[in-house]
Amino acid sequence: MAQLKVTQVRSPIGGTREQRDSLRSLGLHRIGDTVIKDDRPEFRGMIQAVRHLVTVEEVQ
């Protein structure tokens, strides 16, 4: 299964509660944090909610 490398590049200050919750659920706490998640619809939805705050790369 493919995996996604998600890195937080911007602050959630000024964002909505949903955006802050999505970052926490992904395991991101501060700028520069990186997590590896399975490429599943649940994670894709969270990433979509904060797409302007993170960068995403596919990992083999």
C-alpha atoms as a PDB file:
ATOM      1  CA  MET A   1       0.000   0.000   0.000  1.00  0.00           C
ATOM      2  CA  ALA A   2       1.242   3.480  -0.837  1.00  0.00           C
ATOM      3  CA  GLN A   3       2.031   5.874   1.954  1.00  0.00           C
ATOM      4  CA  LEU A   4       1.922   9.641   2.242  1.00  0.00           C
ATOM      5  CA  LYS A   5       4.554  11.834   3.879  1.00  0.00           C
ATOM      6  CA  VAL A   6       2.755  14.851   5.365  1.00  0.00           C
ATOM      7  CA  THR A   7       4.734  17.870   6.599  1.00  0.00           C
ATOM      8  CA  GLN A   8       3.230  20.894   8.331  1.00  0.00           C
ATOM      9  CA  VAL A   9       4.572  24.082   6.739  1.00  0.00           C
ATOM     10  CA  ARG A  10       2.191  26.762   8.084  1.00  0.00           C
ATOM     11  CA  SER A  11       0.569  27.617  11.393  1.00  0.00           C
ATOM     12  CA  PRO A  12      -3.116  26.852  12.076  1.00  0.00           C
ATOM     13  CA  ILE A  13      -3.525  30.170  13.918  1.00  0.00           C
ATOM     14  CA  GLY A  14      -6.593  31.872  12.501  1.00  0.00           C
ATOM     15  CA  GLY A  15      -7.908  28.595  11.109  1.00  0.00           C
ATOM     16  CA  THR A  16     -11.139  26.859  11.974  1.00  0.00           C
ATOM     17  CA  ARG A  17     -11.631  24.276  14.707  1.00  0.00           C
ATOM     18  CA  GLU A  18     -11.940  21.578  12.007  1.00  0.00           C
ATOM     19  CA  GLN A  19      -8.529  22.493  10.586  1.00  0.00           C
ATOM     20  CA  ARG A  20      -6.831  22.425  13.999  1.00  0.00           C
ATOM     21  CA  ASP A  21      -8.496  19.099  14.824  1.00  0.00           C
ATOM     22  CA  SER A  22      -7.414  17.617  11.499  1.00  0.00           C
ATOM     23  CA  LEU A  23      -3.785  18.584  12.128  1.00  0.00           C
ATOM     24  CA  ARG A  24      -3.878  16.997  15.592  1.00  0.00           C
ATOM     25  CA  SER A  25      -5.528  13.842  14.246  1.00  0.00           C
ATOM     26  CA  LEU A  26      -2.787  13.548  11.657  1.00  0.00           C
ATOM     27  CA  GLY A  27      -0.217  13.805  14.466  1.00  0.00           C
ATOM     28  CA  LEU A  28       1.125  17.238  13.511  1.00  0.00           C
ATOM     29  CA  HIS A  29       1.850  19.624  16.378  1.00  0.00           C
ATOM     30  CA  ARG A  30       4.210  22.304  15.072  1.00  0.00           C
ATOM     31  CA  ILE A  31       5.694  23.659  11.868  1.00  0.00           C
ATOM     32  CA  GLY A  32       8.253  21.220  10.482  1.00  0.00           C
ATOM     33  CA  ASP A  33       6.638  18.100  11.948  1.00  0.00           C
ATOM     34  CA  THR A  34       6.430  15.183   9.515  1.00  0.00           C
ATOM     35  CA  VAL A  35       4.343  12.017   9.695  1.00  0.00           C
ATOM     36  CA  ILE A  36       3.934   9.025   7.399  1.00  0.00           C
ATOM     37  CA  LYS A  37       0.347   7.840   6.919  1.00  0.00           C
ATOM     38  CA  ASP A  38      -1.247   5.117   4.801  1.00  0.00           C
ATOM     39  CA  ASP A  39      -2.943   6.381   1.655  1.00  0.00           C
ATOM     40  CA  ARG A  40      -6.529   5.832   2.825  1.00  0.00           C
ATOM     41  CA  PRO A  41      -9.689   7.893   2.333  1.00  0.00           C
ATOM     42  CA  GLU A  42      -9.819   8.903   6.016  1.00  0.00           C
ATOM     43  CA  PHE A  43      -6.360  10.481   5.869  1.00  0.00           C
ATOM     44  CA  ARG A  44      -6.994  12.003   2.434  1.00  0.00           C
ATOM     45  CA  GLY A  45     -10.030  13.808   3.866  1.00  0.00           C
ATOM     46  CA  MET A  46      -8.047  15.232   6.781  1.00  0.00           C
ATOM     47  CA  ILE A  47      -5.271  16.327   4.423  1.00  0.00           C
ATOM     48  CA  GLN A  48      -7.836  17.961   2.118  1.00  0.00           C
ATOM     49  CA  ALA A  49      -9.139  20.042   5.051  1.00  0.00           C
ATOM     50  CA  VAL A  50      -5.649  21.458   5.731  1.00  0.00           C
ATOM     51  CA  ARG A  51      -4.129  21.347   2.248  1.00  0.00           C
ATOM     52  CA  HIS A  52      -2.980  24.981   2.548  1.00  0.00           C
ATOM     53  CA  LEU A  53      -1.051  24.207   5.765  1.00  0.00           C
ATOM     54  CA  VAL A  54       0.795  21.043   4.717  1.00  0.00           C
ATOM     55  CA  THR A  55       2.853  19.541   1.910  1.00  0.00           C
ATOM     56  CA  VAL A  56       2.247  15.963   0.827  1.00  0.00           C
ATOM     57  CA  GLU A  57       4.611  13.538  -0.897  1.00  0.00           C
ATOM     58  CA  GLU A  58       4.017   9.948  -1.906  1.00  0.00           C
ATOM     59  CA  VAL A  59       6.406   7.423  -0.349  1.00  0.00           C
ATOM     60  CA  GLN A  60       7.029   4.011  -1.863  1.00  0.00           C
END
